[in-house]
């Protein structure tokens, strides 16, 4: 039994430690990521049309064309597998001057329009989730009206988004655009973009760290269940021993209770028999305005003496009463006289004073309706002039 208690204690201690570790590994908002969503963005674009994609890449002043208001809008959908699809519309304006556009220098400002579609891939699927930083690459195709010359383009892009919340972020990217046909003199160019993006229709899931925590939590839960089963087995064995002990104790208690009940039944039977004998003797009655014991009263008291001598443990209370006639104070005095006369007679017969108690009630406990306001014949008043005997201990 002692070994099972020690084993049970160790199991409980291990379970407590596992519960503490489980609490520390609870999944939080930081462990969840946006897995799929719709995305909408608006921002600015800059066209670097130098006649060669990488020629003068950072020559912003001479080769980048921009307008001073939002000039780009996009809408798309990102999927759980990391792929995304977007449609982008842009507007810009070529600056006149020395900038080489489609292998020519333009003398007037010329509008630029672009409508592109692209498929992207979230690089976090490869490098792991980085929280706020979301890099991506992509390919696509589009149609561009530049220098009043429309052309289809093959597109390749690289960019990243940085998120301030699940919904809001910034998007920065650069797209290389290669003309599908250069027979009309159309050249390649780069289009840079920066804007605000908003996600909606979000479906979230666990990050890699969150999934690892979930696996660890599952392992802890499995171990806790194993320990719970072990504790249950120990408790089962202990309960079987306790049950056997409890059944034996219950058997003894039932036997003792049966003996006590039998003893109580015998006691109650004797008490009821004594009470019946005293009730059969009847009460002692007095004449009007008298406390003198008549012959019949003494006969009753002599029989009561026999019962008291026969049963040494018996104790009685003697109560005396009057009828309602006369003043209340007088009746109180008279009932005291009657109770003392009754007690003194029993004492004179050798009954110990310790076996008797007394109480006088005057006219306060009438046995019928014969109070000061009701007329009654003598025989009814006589019923109230009495001494009674009540068992108080046996």
Protein backbone atom coordinates (compact mmCIF):
# COMPACT_ATOMS: atom_id res chain seq x y z
CA UNK A 1 0.00 0.00 0.00
CA UNK A 2 2.85 2.40 0.85
CA UNK A 3 4.56 1.72 -2.52
CA UNK A 4 1.36 2.50 -4.44
CA UNK A 5 0.98 5.77 -2.53
CA UNK A 6 4.56 6.81 -3.44
CA UNK A 7 4.00 5.81 -7.08
CA UNK A 8 0.74 7.72 -7.17
CA UNK A 9 2.43 10.81 -5.72
CA UNK A 10 5.20 10.66 -8.37
CA UNK A 11 2.61 10.32 -11.14
CA UNK A 12 0.72 13.35 -9.83
CA UNK A 13 3.95 15.36 -9.68
CA UNK A 14 4.80 14.48 -13.29
CA UNK A 15 1.26 15.35 -14.38
CA UNK A 16 1.55 18.73 -12.64
CA UNK A 17 4.83 19.45 -14.46
CA UNK A 18 3.29 18.48 -17.81
CA UNK A 19 0.28 20.70 -17.13
CA UNK A 20 2.61 23.62 -16.38
CA UNK A 21 4.51 23.02 -19.64
CA UNK A 22 1.20 22.73 -21.49
CA UNK A 23 0.09 26.10 -20.13
CA UNK A 24 3.32 27.72 -21.32
CA UNK A 25 2.85 26.27 -24.84
CA UNK A 26 -0.66 27.54 -25.44
CA UNK A 27 -1.37 28.68 -28.99
CA UNK A 28 -1.54 32.49 -29.24
CA UNK A 29 -2.34 35.01 -31.96
CA UNK A 30 1.38 35.19 -32.75
CA UNK A 31 1.26 31.55 -33.84
CA UNK A 32 -1.35 32.17 -36.54
CA UNK A 33 -0.78 33.50 -40.06
CA UNK A 34 -2.93 34.53 -42.98
CA UNK A 35 -3.02 31.55 -45.33
CA UNK A 36 -5.38 32.85 -47.98
CA UNK A 37 -7.11 36.14 -48.72
CA UNK A 38 -8.34 38.56 -51.29
CA UNK A 39 -6.09 41.57 -51.70
CA UNK A 40 -6.71 45.10 -52.97
CA UNK A 41 -4.09 47.80 -53.40
CA UNK A 42 -3.61 51.33 -54.58
CA UNK A 43 -0.37 53.27 -54.99
CA UNK A 44 2.23 54.77 -57.32
CA UNK A 45 4.27 53.43 -60.22
CA UNK A 46 7.47 54.53 -61.95
CA UNK A 47 8.40 53.46 -65.51
CA UNK A 48 12.06 53.07 -66.39
CA UNK A 49 11.98 52.93 -70.18
CA UNK A 50 15.61 53.19 -71.20
CA UNK A 51 15.47 50.86 -74.12
CA UNK A 52 17.15 48.17 -72.04
CA UNK A 53 15.85 46.62 -68.85
CA UNK A 54 19.04 47.02 -66.85
CA UNK A 55 20.57 50.06 -68.54
CA UNK A 56 20.63 53.05 -66.22
CA UNK A 57 18.66 51.13 -63.60
CA UNK A 58 19.19 53.75 -60.89
CA UNK A 59 19.20 56.83 -63.14
CA UNK A 60 16.01 58.11 -61.51
CA UNK A 61 16.23 61.70 -62.66
CA UNK A 62 16.62 60.99 -66.36
CA UNK A 63 15.03 57.60 -66.92
CA UNK A 64 12.24 57.15 -64.34
CA UNK A 65 8.83 58.48 -65.32
CA UNK A 66 6.24 59.21 -62.55
CA UNK A 67 3.07 61.21 -61.92
CA UNK A 68 2.39 62.99 -58.58
CA UNK A 69 -0.84 61.13 -57.73
CA UNK A 70 -1.94 57.50 -57.20
CA UNK A 71 -1.46 55.78 -60.52
CA UNK A 72 -1.73 52.07 -59.80
CA UNK A 73 -4.57 49.79 -58.71
CA UNK A 74 -4.51 46.03 -58.23
CA UNK A 75 -6.80 43.25 -57.02
CA UNK A 76 -6.02 39.60 -56.56
CA UNK A 77 -6.25 36.42 -54.56
CA UNK A 78 -3.60 34.63 -52.48
CA UNK A 79 -3.98 30.89 -51.92
CA UNK A 80 -2.88 28.52 -49.15
CA UNK A 81 -0.24 26.87 -51.34
CA UNK A 82 1.66 30.17 -51.66
CA UNK A 83 0.47 31.01 -55.16
CA UNK A 84 -1.32 34.25 -55.93
CA UNK A 85 -2.98 35.78 -58.97
CA UNK A 86 -3.44 39.50 -59.58
CA UNK A 87 -4.69 41.96 -62.13
CA UNK A 88 -2.96 45.38 -62.20
CA UNK A 89 -3.91 48.57 -63.99
CA UNK A 90 -1.41 51.47 -64.23
CA UNK A 91 -1.18 54.93 -65.68
CA UNK A 92 1.93 57.06 -66.20
CA UNK A 93 3.33 59.80 -68.36
CA UNK A 94 6.60 59.85 -70.25
CA UNK A 95 8.56 63.07 -69.88
CA UNK A 96 9.75 64.84 -72.98
CA UNK A 97 13.46 65.50 -73.36
CA UNK A 98 16.48 63.35 -73.73
CA UNK A 99 14.89 60.17 -72.42
CA UNK A 100 15.18 57.34 -74.96
CA UNK A 101 11.79 55.67 -75.45
CA UNK A 102 11.50 52.75 -77.85
CA UNK A 103 14.86 53.78 -79.29
CA UNK A 104 13.77 57.39 -79.88
CA UNK A 105 13.87 60.68 -78.00
CA UNK A 106 10.35 62.11 -77.48
CA UNK A 107 9.63 65.82 -77.74
CA UNK A 108 6.22 65.83 -76.00
CA UNK A 109 4.88 64.18 -72.86
CA UNK A 110 3.18 60.90 -73.78
CA UNK A 111 0.65 58.91 -71.72
CA UNK A 112 1.49 55.37 -70.61
CA UNK A 113 -1.18 52.72 -69.87
CA UNK A 114 -0.66 49.19 -68.66
CA UNK A 115 -2.94 46.24 -67.88
CA UNK A 116 -1.11 43.21 -66.53
CA UNK A 117 -1.87 39.85 -64.97
CA UNK A 118 0.63 37.94 -62.90
CA UNK A 119 1.08 34.77 -60.89
CA UNK A 120 3.18 35.11 -57.73
CA UNK A 121 4.72 32.73 -55.24
CA UNK A 122 5.23 33.51 -51.54
CA UNK A 123 8.90 32.85 -50.72
CA UNK A 124 8.01 32.37 -47.05
CA UNK A 125 6.82 28.92 -48.11
CA UNK A 126 10.51 28.13 -48.74
CA UNK A 127 12.39 30.25 -46.20
CA UNK A 128 9.83 30.00 -43.41
CA UNK A 129 7.42 32.54 -42.00
CA UNK A 130 9.09 35.83 -41.10
CA UNK A 131 6.08 37.56 -39.52
CA UNK A 132 5.83 41.06 -40.96
CA UNK A 133 8.12 40.43 -43.98
CA UNK A 134 6.51 38.70 -46.97
CA UNK A 135 8.79 38.42 -50.09
CA UNK A 136 7.52 37.03 -53.37
CA UNK A 137 8.46 36.44 -57.04
CA UNK A 138 6.22 36.12 -60.04
CA UNK A 139 5.69 35.91 -63.79
CA UNK A 140 2.93 37.18 -66.01
CA UNK A 141 1.82 38.89 -69.17
CA UNK A 142 0.13 42.11 -70.09
CA UNK A 143 -0.63 44.80 -72.58
CA UNK A 144 1.11 48.18 -72.53
CA UNK A 145 0.38 51.31 -74.53
CA UNK A 146 3.66 53.25 -74.39
CA UNK A 147 4.82 55.97 -76.77
CA UNK A 148 1.50 55.54 -78.59
CA UNK A 149 2.64 52.05 -79.47
CA UNK A 150 0.72 49.12 -78.07
CA UNK A 151 2.57 45.93 -77.33
CA UNK A 152 2.11 42.67 -75.48
CA UNK A 153 4.67 41.95 -72.77
CA UNK A 154 6.16 39.03 -70.91
CA UNK A 155 6.65 40.01 -67.30
CA UNK A 156 8.88 38.87 -64.43
CA UNK A 157 8.80 40.48 -61.03
CA UNK A 158 10.24 40.49 -57.53
CA UNK A 159 8.83 42.29 -54.49
CA UNK A 160 7.81 42.12 -50.89
CA UNK A 161 4.97 43.16 -48.65
CA UNK A 162 5.34 44.31 -45.07
CA UNK A 163 2.29 43.96 -42.82
CA UNK A 164 1.20 46.23 -39.98
CA UNK A 165 -1.81 44.03 -39.15
CA UNK A 166 -3.73 41.11 -40.63
CA UNK A 167 -5.43 43.56 -43.00
CA UNK A 168 -3.10 46.48 -43.78
CA UNK A 169 0.39 46.59 -45.28
CA UNK A 170 2.76 48.09 -47.85
CA UNK A 171 3.66 46.50 -51.20
CA UNK A 172 6.92 47.30 -53.06
CA UNK A 173 7.89 45.51 -56.27
CA UNK A 174 9.73 45.84 -59.57
CA UNK A 175 8.57 44.23 -62.80
CA UNK A 176 10.67 43.65 -65.89
CA UNK A 177 8.57 43.84 -69.08
CA UNK A 178 9.80 42.32 -72.33
CA UNK A 179 7.94 43.12 -75.52
CA UNK A 180 6.46 40.08 -77.22
CA UNK A 181 7.39 41.52 -80.61
CA UNK A 182 10.05 44.14 -81.27
CA UNK A 183 9.44 44.40 -84.97
CA UNK A 184 7.72 47.74 -84.50
CA UNK A 185 10.59 49.13 -82.48
CA UNK A 186 9.00 48.40 -79.10
CA UNK A 187 11.67 48.03 -76.43
CA UNK A 188 11.80 46.49 -72.97
CA UNK A 189 11.35 48.43 -69.74
CA UNK A 190 11.04 48.14 -65.96
CA UNK A 191 8.04 49.28 -63.91
CA UNK A 192 8.52 49.92 -60.17
CA UNK A 193 5.54 50.13 -57.77
CA UNK A 194 4.81 51.10 -54.16
CA UNK A 195 1.43 51.22 -52.50
CA UNK A 196 -0.92 50.38 -49.67
CA UNK A 197 -2.60 46.96 -49.70
CA UNK A 198 -5.66 45.70 -47.84
CA UNK A 199 -6.53 42.03 -47.22
CA UNK A 200 -10.11 40.77 -46.84
CA UNK A 201 -11.85 37.41 -46.92
CA UNK A 202 -9.01 36.17 -44.73
CA UNK A 203 -8.54 32.50 -43.85
CA UNK A 204 -5.96 31.96 -41.12
CA UNK A 205 -3.92 28.98 -40.04
CA UNK A 206 -0.96 28.10 -37.90
CA UNK A 207 2.56 29.17 -38.66
CA UNK A 208 5.36 26.60 -38.70
CA UNK A 209 6.12 27.50 -35.08
CA UNK A 210 2.44 27.18 -34.25
CA UNK A 211 2.27 23.74 -35.87
CA UNK A 212 5.35 22.66 -33.87
CA UNK A 213 3.71 23.89 -30.67
CA UNK A 214 0.51 22.05 -31.61
CA UNK A 215 2.43 18.81 -32.16
CA UNK A 216 4.20 19.26 -28.83
CA UNK A 217 0.89 19.96 -27.09
CA UNK A 218 -0.55 16.79 -28.60
CA UNK A 219 2.47 14.81 -27.37
CA UNK A 220 2.10 16.30 -23.88
CA UNK A 221 -1.62 15.50 -23.87
CA UNK A 222 -0.86 11.92 -24.91
CA UNK A 223 1.71 11.59 -22.12
CA UNK A 224 -0.74 13.08 -19.62
CA UNK A 225 -3.33 10.52 -20.70
CA UNK A 226 -0.79 7.73 -20.25
CA UNK A 227 0.02 9.00 -16.78
CA UNK A 228 -3.68 9.38 -16.02
CA UNK A 229 -4.22 5.75 -17.02
CA UNK A 230 -1.29 4.69 -14.79
CA UNK A 231 -2.69 6.68 -11.87
CA UNK A 232 -6.12 5.19 -12.53
CA UNK A 233 -4.67 1.67 -12.36
CA UNK A 234 -2.89 2.44 -9.09
CA UNK A 235 -6.06 3.97 -7.72
CA UNK A 236 -8.06 0.95 -8.86
CA UNK A 237 -5.82 -1.39 -6.88
CA UNK A 238 -5.94 0.93 -3.91
CA UNK A 239 -9.72 1.23 -4.20
CA UNK A 240 -10.09 -2.55 -4.23
CA UNK A 241 -8.14 -2.79 -0.96
CA UNK A 242 -10.08 0.11 0.52
CA UNK A 243 -13.36 -1.45 -0.62
CA UNK A 244 -12.56 -4.71 1.13
CA UNK A 245 -11.60 -2.78 4.25
CA UNK A 246 -14.72 -0.64 4.02
CA UNK A 247 -16.99 -3.67 3.57
CA UNK A 248 -15.50 -5.33 6.65
CA UNK A 249 -15.93 -2.14 8.62
CA UNK A 250 -19.49 -1.79 7.34
CA UNK A 251 -20.26 -5.37 8.37
CA UNK A 252 -19.01 -4.69 11.90
CA UNK A 253 -20.88 -1.38 12.06
CA UNK A 254 -24.10 -3.04 10.90
CA UNK A 255 -23.70 -5.76 13.52
CA UNK A 256 -23.03 -3.13 16.19
CA UNK A 257 -25.97 -1.03 14.99
CA UNK A 258 -28.24 -4.06 15.11
CA UNK A 259 -27.12 -4.77 18.67
CA UNK A 260 -27.64 -1.13 19.65
CA UNK A 261 -31.08 -1.12 18.03
CA UNK A 262 -32.00 -4.28 19.85
CA UNK A 263 -30.83 -2.70 23.09
CA UNK A 264 -32.79 0.47 22.32
CA UNK A 265 -35.90 -1.54 21.51
CA UNK A 266 -35.63 -3.32 24.86
CA UNK A 267 -35.14 0.03 26.61
CA UNK A 268 -38.12 1.62 24.86
CA UNK A 269 -40.25 -1.40 25.62
CA UNK A 270 -39.39 -1.18 29.32
CA UNK A 271 -39.92 2.60 29.34
CA UNK A 272 -43.32 2.24 27.66
CA UNK A 273 -44.29 -0.46 30.12
CA UNK A 274 -43.35 1.77 33.09
CA UNK A 275 -45.18 4.73 31.54
CA UNK A 276 -48.23 2.54 31.03
CA UNK A 277 -48.12 1.39 34.67
CA UNK A 278 -47.90 4.98 35.93
CA UNK A 279 -50.69 6.10 33.59
CA UNK A 280 -52.86 3.23 34.85
CA UNK A 281 -52.46 4.52 38.41
CA UNK A 282 -54.04 7.79 37.32
CA UNK A 283 -53.68 11.31 38.72
CA UNK A 284 -54.23 12.44 42.30
CA UNK A 285 -57.26 14.70 42.79
CA UNK A 286 -57.91 17.22 45.60
CA UNK A 287 -61.03 18.67 47.14
CA UNK A 288 -61.88 22.34 46.58
CA UNK A 289 -59.43 24.69 48.35
CA UNK A 290 -57.63 21.66 49.86
CA UNK A 291 -54.13 20.24 49.62
CA UNK A 292 -54.89 17.25 51.83
CA UNK A 293 -54.24 13.80 50.37
CA UNK A 294 -57.35 11.64 50.60
CA UNK A 295 -57.36 7.85 50.96
CA UNK A 296 -57.52 7.20 47.24
CA UNK A 297 -54.60 9.56 46.61
CA UNK A 298 -52.48 7.77 49.19
CA UNK A 299 -53.32 4.41 47.61
CA UNK A 300 -52.10 5.71 44.25
CA UNK A 301 -48.92 7.11 45.83
CA UNK A 302 -48.23 3.82 47.63
CA UNK A 303 -48.36 2.03 44.27
CA UNK A 304 -46.06 4.69 42.81
CA UNK A 305 -43.61 4.06 45.65
CA UNK A 306 -43.47 0.38 44.65
CA UNK A 307 -42.61 1.32 41.07
CA UNK A 308 -39.88 3.78 42.17
CA UNK A 309 -38.35 1.15 44.49
CA UNK A 310 -38.52 -1.45 41.75
CA UNK A 311 -36.73 0.78 39.25
CA UNK A 312 -33.80 2.59 40.94
CA UNK A 313 -32.97 4.66 37.81
CA UNK A 314 -36.48 6.09 37.46
CA UNK A 315 -36.91 9.85 38.09
CA UNK A 316 -40.25 11.65 38.07
CA UNK A 317 -41.51 15.20 37.86
CA UNK A 318 -44.57 16.00 40.01
CA UNK A 319 -46.81 18.80 38.70
CA UNK A 320 -49.79 20.17 40.65
CA UNK A 321 -52.74 22.27 39.44
CA UNK A 322 -55.91 24.03 40.59
CA UNK A 323 -59.23 24.87 39.00
CA UNK A 324 -59.94 28.42 37.85
CA UNK A 325 -62.01 29.54 40.82
CA UNK A 326 -60.39 32.03 43.18
CA UNK A 327 -57.61 34.55 42.60
CA UNK A 328 -54.66 33.51 40.44
CA UNK A 329 -52.16 34.26 43.23
CA UNK A 330 -54.14 32.10 45.60
CA UNK A 331 -54.26 29.27 43.10
CA UNK A 332 -50.47 29.52 42.60
CA UNK A 333 -49.99 29.15 46.36
CA UNK A 334 -52.49 26.30 46.56
CA UNK A 335 -50.83 24.34 43.74
CA UNK A 336 -47.48 24.72 45.54
CA UNK A 337 -49.04 23.27 48.67
CA UNK A 338 -50.44 20.35 46.70
CA UNK A 339 -47.15 19.55 44.95
CA UNK A 340 -45.21 19.67 48.23
CA UNK A 341 -47.79 17.48 49.99
CA UNK A 342 -47.52 14.95 47.17
CA UNK A 343 -43.70 14.98 47.22
CA UNK A 344 -43.53 14.84 51.05
CA UNK A 345 -45.71 11.76 51.13
CA UNK A 346 -43.35 9.95 48.75
CA UNK A 347 -40.32 11.08 50.79
CA UNK A 348 -42.01 9.76 53.93
CA UNK A 349 -42.14 6.36 52.27
CA UNK A 350 -38.37 6.30 51.79
CA UNK A 351 -38.13 7.66 48.24
CA UNK A 352 -34.95 9.72 47.68
CA UNK A 353 -35.37 13.44 47.07
CA UNK A 354 -32.96 13.12 44.08
CA UNK A 355 -35.54 11.03 42.23
CA UNK A 356 -38.22 13.73 42.38
CA UNK A 357 -38.63 17.21 40.90
CA UNK A 358 -41.66 19.47 41.31
CA UNK A 359 -43.43 22.29 39.49
CA UNK A 360 -46.68 24.09 40.30
CA UNK A 361 -48.88 25.72 37.64
CA UNK A 362 -51.89 27.08 39.51
CA UNK A 363 -54.77 27.51 37.07
CA UNK A 364 -52.52 27.95 33.98
CA UNK A 365 -52.98 24.44 32.56
CA UNK A 366 -56.68 23.64 32.67
CA UNK A 367 -57.76 20.39 31.05
CA UNK A 368 -61.11 21.77 29.85
CA UNK A 369 -62.96 24.99 29.06
CA UNK A 370 -63.70 25.86 32.70
CA UNK A 371 -61.86 29.19 32.95
CA UNK A 372 -62.95 32.38 34.78
CA UNK A 373 -65.44 33.31 32.03
CA UNK A 374 -67.14 29.94 31.63
CA UNK A 375 -69.65 28.36 33.96
CA UNK A 376 -68.94 24.71 34.72
CA UNK A 377 -70.50 22.21 37.15
CA UNK A 378 -68.42 20.90 40.07
CA UNK A 379 -67.47 17.63 38.38
CA UNK A 380 -65.76 19.54 35.58
CA UNK A 381 -63.86 21.80 37.96
CA UNK A 382 -62.72 18.73 39.90
CA UNK A 383 -60.82 17.43 36.83
CA UNK A 384 -58.40 20.38 37.10
CA UNK A 385 -57.54 19.92 40.81
CA UNK A 386 -54.80 17.34 40.36
CA UNK A 387 -51.20 16.21 40.69
CA UNK A 388 -49.60 14.48 37.67
CA UNK A 389 -46.46 12.34 37.25
CA UNK A 390 -44.09 12.62 34.25
CA UNK A 391 -41.08 10.36 33.59
CA UNK A 392 -37.99 12.57 33.13
CA UNK A 393 -35.25 9.95 33.31
CA UNK A 394 -35.03 6.20 32.94
